[in-house]
């Protein structure tokens, strides 16, 4: 039971959600729940890229600023950004001002447009790569996997940037491609229920 702690209601939660006050709500309502909306999928992959080398608390605290700066992560609009937008973003103290990561979001927005043209949706592309739940490691014991390595390779072949296996694994955890809640965590069963009720996107 070292992987869980009692929550405010006495129910067990993943231990990490006690690391910061804002983590509990994120843990209980977002992390691991299946996402099929293309804008939210693009947002989550971008934010995981921004998180590389930083704490998730930093990114979560700035999330609304990121949404405002990147047009709510509408990849079709972000794909039209130019060097003036890069300069604007690098001057925005409300986000992480890292040129490589900022430029990667704009570049990846263009890659997302091309992928949607070919696949029908980002959701269809990502959910076809959901790993077999019976083949997953014990929850929260690894930071990359064969599935995240394969998805990372696929994205890189398509031209995406800042999508290494660790970043992709965190993305897969966040959007429900993997249910990585601790086995004793009360939210794990809620995620499993949401996954069973999910209507998977079709191409």
Foldseek 3Di string as FASTA:
>chain_A
DVQWDQDPVRATFGPVQVVDVVSVCCRQPFFQAADQDQQVLLLLLLLLLLCVVHHVVLSVQLVVVVCVLQVNSQLVVLLPDDVVSLVVQLVDPSGDNDSVSSVLSNVVSVLQVVVCVVFVGPQQVVLVLQDDQVPDDQAPPDQFDPSLQVVLVVVVVSPHPSRHRSSSSSSCRRNNSYVRIHPRGPSSVVSVVSVVPDDGDHD
